[in-house]
């Protein structure tokens, strides 16, 4: 199990951070189902391969998964990482890395949104020893908010 709250934070704090991240994120056009978010947070916190950590200022959730072509090679993958303060976000990143390393992963992967913060986030990752590995693209082909 790898779920913890820091600085007296509660699940409400984690959900507030998830709301803020959603509002800024690439999926802000999709409805936010906060009950589903809470269920996912709770599931990951209880899972042997899931990680959830949050404070009043930062949130991170990630998983350990095998590389698709090498089932014996596990990597840590960040699923959500959001912080109102860079130092708090870096502390959460380090906590995830430490947990994933203790679980025996060979690498950890993070992503960042292509927005006005991208240059700063890239700089932080490089300073922490990360290197870019891929660039993601998205194209909306059909979207019906009534169905989602």
N, C-alpha and C. Protein backbone atom coordinates (compact mmCIF):
# COMPACT_ATOMS: atom_id res chain seq x y z
N UNK A 1 0.85 -1.18 0.00
CA UNK A 1 0.00 0.00 0.00
C UNK A 1 0.89 1.24 0.00
N UNK A 2 0.55 2.20 -0.83
CA UNK A 2 1.36 3.41 -0.90
C UNK A 2 0.46 4.62 -1.05
N UNK A 3 -0.20 4.97 0.00
CA UNK A 3 -1.00 6.18 -0.01
C UNK A 3 -0.72 6.95 1.26
N UNK A 4 -0.45 8.22 1.14
CA UNK A 4 -0.25 8.98 2.36
C UNK A 4 -0.59 10.44 2.17
N UNK A 5 -1.01 11.04 3.26
CA UNK A 5 -1.30 12.47 3.30
C UNK A 5 -0.21 13.14 4.14
N UNK A 6 0.12 14.34 3.78
CA UNK A 6 1.18 15.09 4.45
C UNK A 6 0.60 16.39 5.00
N UNK A 7 1.16 16.87 6.07
CA UNK A 7 0.78 18.17 6.64
C UNK A 7 -0.69 18.25 7.03
N UNK A 8 -1.25 17.13 7.50
CA UNK A 8 -2.64 17.14 7.94
C UNK A 8 -3.66 17.23 6.82
N UNK A 9 -3.24 16.98 5.60
CA UNK A 9 -4.16 17.05 4.46
C UNK A 9 -5.19 15.93 4.55
N UNK A 10 -6.34 16.17 3.95
CA UNK A 10 -7.42 15.20 3.92
C UNK A 10 -7.74 14.85 2.47
N UNK A 11 -8.61 13.86 2.29
CA UNK A 11 -9.05 13.51 0.94
C UNK A 11 -9.71 14.71 0.27
N UNK A 12 -10.39 15.54 1.05
CA UNK A 12 -10.99 16.76 0.48
C UNK A 12 -9.91 17.63 -0.16
N UNK A 13 -8.77 17.77 0.49
CA UNK A 13 -7.66 18.53 -0.10
C UNK A 13 -7.20 17.91 -1.41
N UNK A 14 -7.08 16.58 -1.44
CA UNK A 14 -6.66 15.89 -2.66
C UNK A 14 -7.67 16.12 -3.78
N UNK A 15 -8.95 16.07 -3.45
CA UNK A 15 -9.99 16.27 -4.46
C UNK A 15 -10.02 17.72 -4.94
N UNK A 16 -9.76 18.66 -4.04
CA UNK A 16 -9.68 20.07 -4.46
C UNK A 16 -8.52 20.27 -5.44
N UNK A 17 -7.40 19.63 -5.17
CA UNK A 17 -6.26 19.71 -6.09
C UNK A 17 -6.60 19.05 -7.43
N UNK A 18 -7.31 17.93 -7.39
CA UNK A 18 -7.72 17.27 -8.63
C UNK A 18 -8.64 18.18 -9.44
N UNK A 19 -9.55 18.88 -8.77
CA UNK A 19 -10.44 19.83 -9.47
C UNK A 19 -9.62 20.93 -10.14
N UNK A 20 -8.65 21.47 -9.42
CA UNK A 20 -7.81 22.54 -9.97
C UNK A 20 -7.02 22.04 -11.18
N UNK A 21 -6.47 20.84 -11.07
CA UNK A 21 -5.70 20.26 -12.17
C UNK A 21 -6.61 20.03 -13.38
N UNK A 22 -7.78 19.50 -13.14
CA UNK A 22 -8.73 19.25 -14.24
C UNK A 22 -9.06 20.54 -14.97
N UNK A 23 -9.29 21.61 -14.22
CA UNK A 23 -9.66 22.89 -14.83
C UNK A 23 -8.56 23.43 -15.74
N UNK A 24 -7.31 23.11 -15.44
CA UNK A 24 -6.18 23.58 -16.23
C UNK A 24 -5.74 22.59 -17.29
N UNK A 25 -6.21 21.37 -17.19
CA UNK A 25 -5.67 20.28 -17.99
C UNK A 25 -6.22 20.16 -19.39
N UNK A 26 -5.63 19.23 -20.11
CA UNK A 26 -6.00 18.99 -21.50
C UNK A 26 -7.38 18.35 -21.62
N UNK A 27 -7.93 17.85 -20.55
CA UNK A 27 -9.26 17.25 -20.55
C UNK A 27 -10.28 18.11 -19.85
N UNK A 28 -10.04 19.39 -19.73
CA UNK A 28 -10.98 20.28 -19.01
C UNK A 28 -12.34 20.35 -19.71
N UNK A 29 -12.40 20.01 -20.99
CA UNK A 29 -13.67 20.01 -21.71
C UNK A 29 -14.55 18.82 -21.32
N UNK A 30 -13.96 17.80 -20.71
CA UNK A 30 -14.73 16.63 -20.28
C UNK A 30 -15.25 16.83 -18.86
N UNK A 31 -16.44 16.33 -18.58
CA UNK A 31 -16.98 16.49 -17.22
C UNK A 31 -16.09 15.81 -16.18
N UNK A 32 -16.02 16.40 -15.01
CA UNK A 32 -15.26 15.84 -13.90
C UNK A 32 -16.23 15.09 -12.99
N UNK A 33 -16.01 13.80 -12.84
CA UNK A 33 -16.81 12.97 -11.93
C UNK A 33 -16.00 12.80 -10.65
N UNK A 34 -16.24 13.66 -9.69
CA UNK A 34 -15.41 13.70 -8.49
C UNK A 34 -15.53 12.43 -7.66
N UNK A 35 -16.70 11.75 -7.70
CA UNK A 35 -16.82 10.48 -6.99
C UNK A 35 -15.92 9.42 -7.62
N UNK A 36 -15.84 9.43 -8.95
CA UNK A 36 -14.96 8.48 -9.64
C UNK A 36 -13.49 8.80 -9.33
N UNK A 37 -13.17 10.07 -9.25
CA UNK A 37 -11.80 10.47 -8.90
C UNK A 37 -11.46 9.95 -7.50
N UNK A 38 -12.36 10.15 -6.55
CA UNK A 38 -12.11 9.68 -5.19
C UNK A 38 -11.95 8.16 -5.16
N UNK A 39 -12.80 7.45 -5.88
CA UNK A 39 -12.70 5.99 -5.92
C UNK A 39 -11.35 5.55 -6.51
N UNK A 40 -10.91 6.24 -7.56
CA UNK A 40 -9.62 5.93 -8.17
C UNK A 40 -8.48 6.21 -7.19
N UNK A 41 -8.54 7.35 -6.51
CA UNK A 41 -7.52 7.68 -5.52
C UNK A 41 -7.46 6.59 -4.44
N UNK A 42 -8.60 6.20 -3.92
CA UNK A 42 -8.64 5.19 -2.86
C UNK A 42 -8.12 3.85 -3.36
N UNK A 43 -8.49 3.48 -4.59
CA UNK A 43 -8.03 2.22 -5.17
C UNK A 43 -6.51 2.23 -5.32
N UNK A 44 -5.96 3.31 -5.84
CA UNK A 44 -4.51 3.37 -6.03
C UNK A 44 -3.76 3.38 -4.70
N UNK A 45 -4.32 4.03 -3.71
CA UNK A 45 -3.67 4.09 -2.40
C UNK A 45 -3.61 2.71 -1.76
N UNK A 46 -4.56 1.84 -2.07
CA UNK A 46 -4.61 0.50 -1.50
C UNK A 46 -3.88 -0.55 -2.34
N UNK A 47 -3.56 -0.22 -3.57
CA UNK A 47 -2.95 -1.17 -4.50
C UNK A 47 -1.46 -1.34 -4.22
N UNK A 48 -0.97 -2.54 -4.44
CA UNK A 48 0.47 -2.80 -4.31
C UNK A 48 1.26 -2.10 -5.42
N UNK A 49 0.60 -1.82 -6.53
CA UNK A 49 1.30 -1.20 -7.66
C UNK A 49 0.86 0.24 -7.88
N UNK A 50 0.10 0.80 -6.94
CA UNK A 50 -0.37 2.17 -7.06
C UNK A 50 0.23 3.06 -5.99
N UNK A 51 0.30 4.33 -6.29
CA UNK A 51 0.87 5.31 -5.37
C UNK A 51 0.01 6.56 -5.38
N UNK A 52 -0.31 7.05 -4.21
CA UNK A 52 -1.04 8.30 -4.06
C UNK A 52 -0.45 9.05 -2.88
N UNK A 53 -0.10 10.30 -3.10
CA UNK A 53 0.39 11.15 -2.02
C UNK A 53 -0.13 12.55 -2.25
N UNK A 54 -0.46 13.23 -1.16
CA UNK A 54 -0.97 14.59 -1.30
C UNK A 54 -0.72 15.37 -0.02
N UNK A 55 -0.67 16.66 -0.22
CA UNK A 55 -0.60 17.62 0.87
C UNK A 55 -1.70 18.64 0.58
N UNK A 56 -1.67 19.74 1.27
CA UNK A 56 -2.65 20.78 0.95
C UNK A 56 -2.28 21.55 -0.31
N UNK A 57 -1.04 21.38 -0.77
CA UNK A 57 -0.55 22.13 -1.93
C UNK A 57 -0.17 21.29 -3.13
N UNK A 58 -0.07 19.97 -2.97
CA UNK A 58 0.43 19.14 -4.07
C UNK A 58 -0.20 17.75 -4.03
N UNK A 59 -0.23 17.13 -5.21
CA UNK A 59 -0.86 15.83 -5.38
C UNK A 59 -0.08 15.04 -6.42
N UNK A 60 0.10 13.75 -6.15
CA UNK A 60 0.69 12.87 -7.16
C UNK A 60 0.05 11.50 -7.06
N UNK A 61 -0.17 10.89 -8.22
CA UNK A 61 -0.63 9.51 -8.28
C UNK A 61 0.12 8.84 -9.41
N UNK A 62 0.55 7.62 -9.17
CA UNK A 62 1.26 6.88 -10.20
C UNK A 62 1.08 5.39 -10.01
N UNK A 63 1.60 4.65 -10.96
CA UNK A 63 1.51 3.19 -10.94
C UNK A 63 2.84 2.58 -11.35
N UNK A 64 2.96 1.31 -11.05
CA UNK A 64 4.05 0.51 -11.60
C UNK A 64 3.43 -0.40 -12.64
N UNK A 65 4.04 -0.44 -13.81
CA UNK A 65 3.52 -1.28 -14.90
C UNK A 65 4.69 -1.85 -15.69
N UNK A 66 4.47 -3.03 -16.27
CA UNK A 66 5.52 -3.59 -17.12
C UNK A 66 5.60 -2.85 -18.45
N UNK A 67 6.78 -2.83 -19.01
CA UNK A 67 6.97 -2.31 -20.36
C UNK A 67 6.26 -3.29 -21.30
N UNK A 68 5.56 -2.80 -22.27
CA UNK A 68 4.72 -3.65 -23.11
C UNK A 68 5.46 -4.78 -23.80
N UNK A 69 6.72 -4.59 -24.11
CA UNK A 69 7.47 -5.61 -24.85
C UNK A 69 8.36 -6.45 -23.95
N UNK A 70 8.38 -6.12 -22.64
CA UNK A 70 9.27 -6.84 -21.72
C UNK A 70 8.58 -6.97 -20.36
N UNK A 71 7.73 -7.98 -20.21
CA UNK A 71 6.92 -8.10 -18.99
C UNK A 71 7.70 -8.11 -17.68
N UNK A 72 8.97 -8.47 -17.72
CA UNK A 72 9.78 -8.47 -16.51
C UNK A 72 10.41 -7.14 -16.18
N UNK A 73 10.23 -6.15 -17.05
CA UNK A 73 10.80 -4.82 -16.84
C UNK A 73 9.69 -3.88 -16.41
N UNK A 74 9.74 -3.45 -15.16
CA UNK A 74 8.71 -2.56 -14.63
C UNK A 74 9.20 -1.12 -14.56
N UNK A 75 8.27 -0.21 -14.83
CA UNK A 75 8.57 1.22 -14.74
C UNK A 75 7.51 1.90 -13.89
N UNK A 76 7.89 3.00 -13.30
CA UNK A 76 6.94 3.83 -12.56
C UNK A 76 6.40 4.91 -13.49
N UNK A 77 5.08 5.03 -13.53
CA UNK A 77 4.45 5.98 -14.45
C UNK A 77 3.57 6.94 -13.66
N UNK A 78 3.87 8.22 -13.74
CA UNK A 78 3.04 9.26 -13.11
C UNK A 78 1.74 9.38 -13.89
N UNK A 79 0.62 9.41 -13.18
CA UNK A 79 -0.68 9.58 -13.81
C UNK A 79 -1.24 10.98 -13.62
N UNK A 80 -1.00 11.55 -12.45
CA UNK A 80 -1.39 12.94 -12.18
C UNK A 80 -0.35 13.51 -11.23
N UNK A 81 0.07 14.72 -11.55
CA UNK A 81 1.06 15.41 -10.71
C UNK A 81 0.73 16.88 -10.82
N UNK A 82 0.34 17.45 -9.72
CA UNK A 82 -0.08 18.85 -9.72
C UNK A 82 0.36 19.49 -8.41
N UNK A 83 0.82 20.71 -8.52
CA UNK A 83 1.25 21.42 -7.32
C UNK A 83 1.00 22.91 -7.48
N UNK A 84 0.60 23.51 -6.40
CA UNK A 84 0.44 24.97 -6.39
C UNK A 84 1.78 25.66 -6.14
N UNK A 85 2.74 24.92 -5.59
CA UNK A 85 4.06 25.47 -5.30
C UNK A 85 5.12 24.51 -5.83
N UNK A 86 6.08 25.00 -6.60
CA UNK A 86 7.09 24.11 -7.18
C UNK A 86 7.83 23.23 -6.16
N UNK A 87 8.20 23.77 -5.02
CA UNK A 87 8.94 22.97 -4.04
C UNK A 87 8.10 21.79 -3.54
N UNK A 88 6.81 22.00 -3.35
CA UNK A 88 5.94 20.91 -2.91
C UNK A 88 5.80 19.86 -4.00
N UNK A 89 5.70 20.31 -5.24
CA UNK A 89 5.61 19.38 -6.36
C UNK A 89 6.87 18.53 -6.48
N UNK A 90 8.03 19.15 -6.29
CA UNK A 90 9.28 18.40 -6.36
C UNK A 90 9.38 17.38 -5.23
N UNK A 91 8.90 17.74 -4.05
CA UNK A 91 8.90 16.79 -2.93
C UNK A 91 8.02 15.58 -3.25
N UNK A 92 6.88 15.81 -3.88
CA UNK A 92 6.00 14.70 -4.27
C UNK A 92 6.65 13.85 -5.35
N UNK A 93 7.32 14.49 -6.30
CA UNK A 93 8.03 13.74 -7.35
C UNK A 93 9.08 12.83 -6.73
N UNK A 94 9.85 13.37 -5.80
CA UNK A 94 10.89 12.57 -5.14
C UNK A 94 10.28 11.40 -4.36
N UNK A 95 9.16 11.64 -3.68
CA UNK A 95 8.49 10.57 -2.93
C UNK A 95 8.07 9.44 -3.86
N UNK A 96 7.52 9.80 -5.03
CA UNK A 96 7.12 8.79 -6.01
C UNK A 96 8.34 8.02 -6.50
N UNK A 97 9.40 8.73 -6.82
CA UNK A 97 10.63 8.08 -7.29
C UNK A 97 11.17 7.11 -6.24
N UNK A 98 11.20 7.54 -4.99
CA UNK A 98 11.71 6.68 -3.91
C UNK A 98 10.86 5.43 -3.76
N UNK A 99 9.53 5.59 -3.79
CA UNK A 99 8.63 4.45 -3.68
C UNK A 99 8.84 3.50 -4.85
N UNK A 100 8.86 4.03 -6.07
CA UNK A 100 9.01 3.20 -7.26
C UNK A 100 10.36 2.48 -7.26
N UNK A 101 11.42 3.17 -6.84
CA UNK A 101 12.74 2.55 -6.76
C UNK A 101 12.72 1.40 -5.76
N UNK A 102 12.09 1.61 -4.61
CA UNK A 102 11.99 0.55 -3.61
C UNK A 102 11.19 -0.65 -4.13
N UNK A 103 10.30 -0.41 -5.09
CA UNK A 103 9.52 -1.48 -5.70
C UNK A 103 10.28 -2.18 -6.83
N UNK A 104 11.48 -1.70 -7.14
CA UNK A 104 12.33 -2.38 -8.11
C UNK A 104 12.19 -1.93 -9.56
N UNK A 105 11.65 -0.75 -9.80
CA UNK A 105 11.52 -0.29 -11.18
C UNK A 105 12.88 0.08 -11.76
N UNK A 106 12.96 0.05 -13.09
CA UNK A 106 14.20 0.45 -13.75
C UNK A 106 14.19 1.93 -14.13
N UNK A 107 13.00 2.50 -14.31
CA UNK A 107 12.87 3.91 -14.69
C UNK A 107 11.55 4.45 -14.17
N UNK A 108 11.47 5.77 -14.10
CA UNK A 108 10.20 6.45 -13.83
C UNK A 108 9.94 7.42 -14.98
N UNK A 109 8.66 7.58 -15.29
CA UNK A 109 8.27 8.48 -16.37
C UNK A 109 7.26 9.49 -15.86
N UNK A 110 7.45 10.72 -16.27
CA UNK A 110 6.51 11.79 -15.97
C UNK A 110 6.14 12.48 -17.28
N UNK A 111 5.03 13.16 -17.27
CA UNK A 111 4.64 13.96 -18.43
C UNK A 111 4.30 15.36 -17.94
N UNK A 112 4.29 16.28 -18.86
CA UNK A 112 3.86 17.64 -18.53
C UNK A 112 2.99 18.16 -19.66
N UNK A 113 2.12 19.06 -19.31
CA UNK A 113 1.23 19.64 -20.32
C UNK A 113 1.99 20.65 -21.17
N UNK A 114 1.58 20.75 -22.41
CA UNK A 114 2.14 21.75 -23.31
C UNK A 114 1.37 23.05 -23.07
N UNK A 115 1.87 23.86 -22.15
CA UNK A 115 1.22 25.13 -21.83
C UNK A 115 2.29 26.14 -21.43
N UNK A 116 1.86 27.23 -20.84
CA UNK A 116 2.81 28.30 -20.49
C UNK A 116 3.82 27.90 -19.43
N UNK A 117 3.60 26.77 -18.72
CA UNK A 117 4.53 26.31 -17.69
C UNK A 117 5.53 25.28 -18.21
N UNK A 118 5.37 24.89 -19.46
CA UNK A 118 6.18 23.79 -20.01
C UNK A 118 7.69 24.04 -19.91
N UNK A 119 8.15 25.20 -20.26
CA UNK A 119 9.59 25.47 -20.24
C UNK A 119 10.15 25.33 -18.82
N UNK A 120 9.44 25.84 -17.84
CA UNK A 120 9.89 25.71 -16.46
C UNK A 120 9.88 24.28 -15.97
N UNK A 121 8.84 23.54 -16.35
CA UNK A 121 8.75 22.14 -15.94
C UNK A 121 9.86 21.33 -16.61
N UNK A 122 10.11 21.59 -17.88
CA UNK A 122 11.22 20.90 -18.56
C UNK A 122 12.55 21.17 -17.84
N UNK A 123 12.75 22.40 -17.44
CA UNK A 123 13.99 22.76 -16.73
C UNK A 123 14.10 21.99 -15.41
N UNK A 124 12.98 21.92 -14.66
CA UNK A 124 12.98 21.17 -13.39
C UNK A 124 13.30 19.69 -13.62
N UNK A 125 12.71 19.11 -14.66
CA UNK A 125 12.97 17.70 -14.95
C UNK A 125 14.43 17.48 -15.31
N UNK A 126 14.97 18.33 -16.16
CA UNK A 126 16.38 18.18 -16.55
C UNK A 126 17.29 18.29 -15.32
N UNK A 127 17.00 19.25 -14.44
CA UNK A 127 17.80 19.42 -13.22
C UNK A 127 17.72 18.19 -12.32
N UNK A 128 16.60 17.46 -12.40
CA UNK A 128 16.42 16.27 -11.58
C UNK A 128 16.93 15.00 -12.28
N UNK A 129 17.56 15.16 -13.45
CA UNK A 129 18.16 14.02 -14.14
C UNK A 129 17.29 13.34 -15.17
N UNK A 130 16.16 13.92 -15.50
CA UNK A 130 15.27 13.34 -16.52
C UNK A 130 15.70 13.78 -17.92
N UNK A 131 15.30 12.98 -18.90
CA UNK A 131 15.50 13.34 -20.29
C UNK A 131 14.18 13.15 -21.03
N UNK A 132 13.92 13.98 -22.04
CA UNK A 132 12.68 13.81 -22.80
C UNK A 132 12.72 12.50 -23.59
N UNK A 133 11.55 11.83 -23.66
CA UNK A 133 11.51 10.55 -24.38
C UNK A 133 10.46 10.51 -25.48
N UNK A 134 9.43 11.30 -25.41
CA UNK A 134 8.42 11.31 -26.46
C UNK A 134 7.59 12.58 -26.36
N UNK A 135 6.87 12.86 -27.42
CA UNK A 135 5.96 13.99 -27.44
C UNK A 135 4.59 13.44 -27.81
N UNK A 136 3.57 13.79 -27.06
CA UNK A 136 2.22 13.30 -27.33
C UNK A 136 1.42 14.31 -28.15
N UNK A 137 0.51 13.79 -28.94
CA UNK A 137 -0.38 14.61 -29.75
C UNK A 137 -1.81 14.14 -29.55
N UNK A 138 -2.74 15.05 -29.70
CA UNK A 138 -4.15 14.72 -29.56
C UNK A 138 -4.93 15.39 -30.68
N UNK A 139 -5.95 14.69 -31.16
CA UNK A 139 -6.84 15.24 -32.16
C UNK A 139 -8.26 14.84 -31.77
N UNK A 140 -9.14 15.80 -31.64
CA UNK A 140 -10.53 15.50 -31.35
C UNK A 140 -11.21 15.12 -32.65
N UNK A 141 -11.74 13.91 -32.69
CA UNK A 141 -12.44 13.45 -33.91
C UNK A 141 -13.95 13.48 -33.73
N UNK A 142 -14.41 13.37 -32.50
CA UNK A 142 -15.83 13.48 -32.19
C UNK A 142 -15.95 13.68 -30.69
N UNK A 143 -16.77 14.59 -30.29
CA UNK A 143 -16.96 14.83 -28.86
C UNK A 143 -18.40 15.20 -28.61
N UNK A 144 -19.06 14.40 -27.82
CA UNK A 144 -20.44 14.68 -27.44
C UNK A 144 -20.46 14.71 -25.92
N UNK A 145 -20.51 15.89 -25.35
CA UNK A 145 -20.47 16.02 -23.89
C UNK A 145 -21.68 15.38 -23.23
N UNK A 146 -22.73 15.14 -23.98
CA UNK A 146 -23.91 14.48 -23.41
C UNK A 146 -23.65 13.00 -23.14
N UNK A 147 -22.73 12.42 -23.89
CA UNK A 147 -22.44 10.99 -23.73
C UNK A 147 -21.31 10.75 -22.73
N UNK A 148 -20.59 11.78 -22.36
CA UNK A 148 -19.42 11.57 -21.49
C UNK A 148 -19.62 12.21 -20.16
